[in-house]
């Protein structure tokens, strides 16, 4: 699994002019599922993101986690995180998981985060979404459950 994690003061997802998910202060996560990912990837990445110490403490240092901050999480499915642009001009998405396994692991990731005590909002799987956010910091991190980066 891959995630683009952004510290936000607010974020929302709109589908067909309807807001389907929104949060206040917290993290917006674009989440991609690899074709070889398993439930352990979803659990490990949810735990990692919930406990990342990237929120400022009283001195302004990145020392607090989403759980400590009692922040919210907006999770948006993003198969294009596995787009391979190394050859030619058209990305290959052959490493992205097929729709149904991807949906199951995306939903498992969301449940795992909620089970940790995080308030989770989501986009709509396989929909054309408009994502709006205010990146705070700005802080943006890339995570990979296979620890490729």
Foldseek 3Di string as FASTA:
>chain_A
DKKKKFFFQKKFKDFPNRTQWIFGGDIEIADFAFQPDDLVLLLVVLVCQQAQQQAQDPVGDSGGGCVRVLGAYEYEYDLCVQFDCPDDHGTDSNGTHPQPVGVVSSVSSQVSNVVVPHHYTYYDRPGDMDMDTGGPPGDIDMDDSVRPD
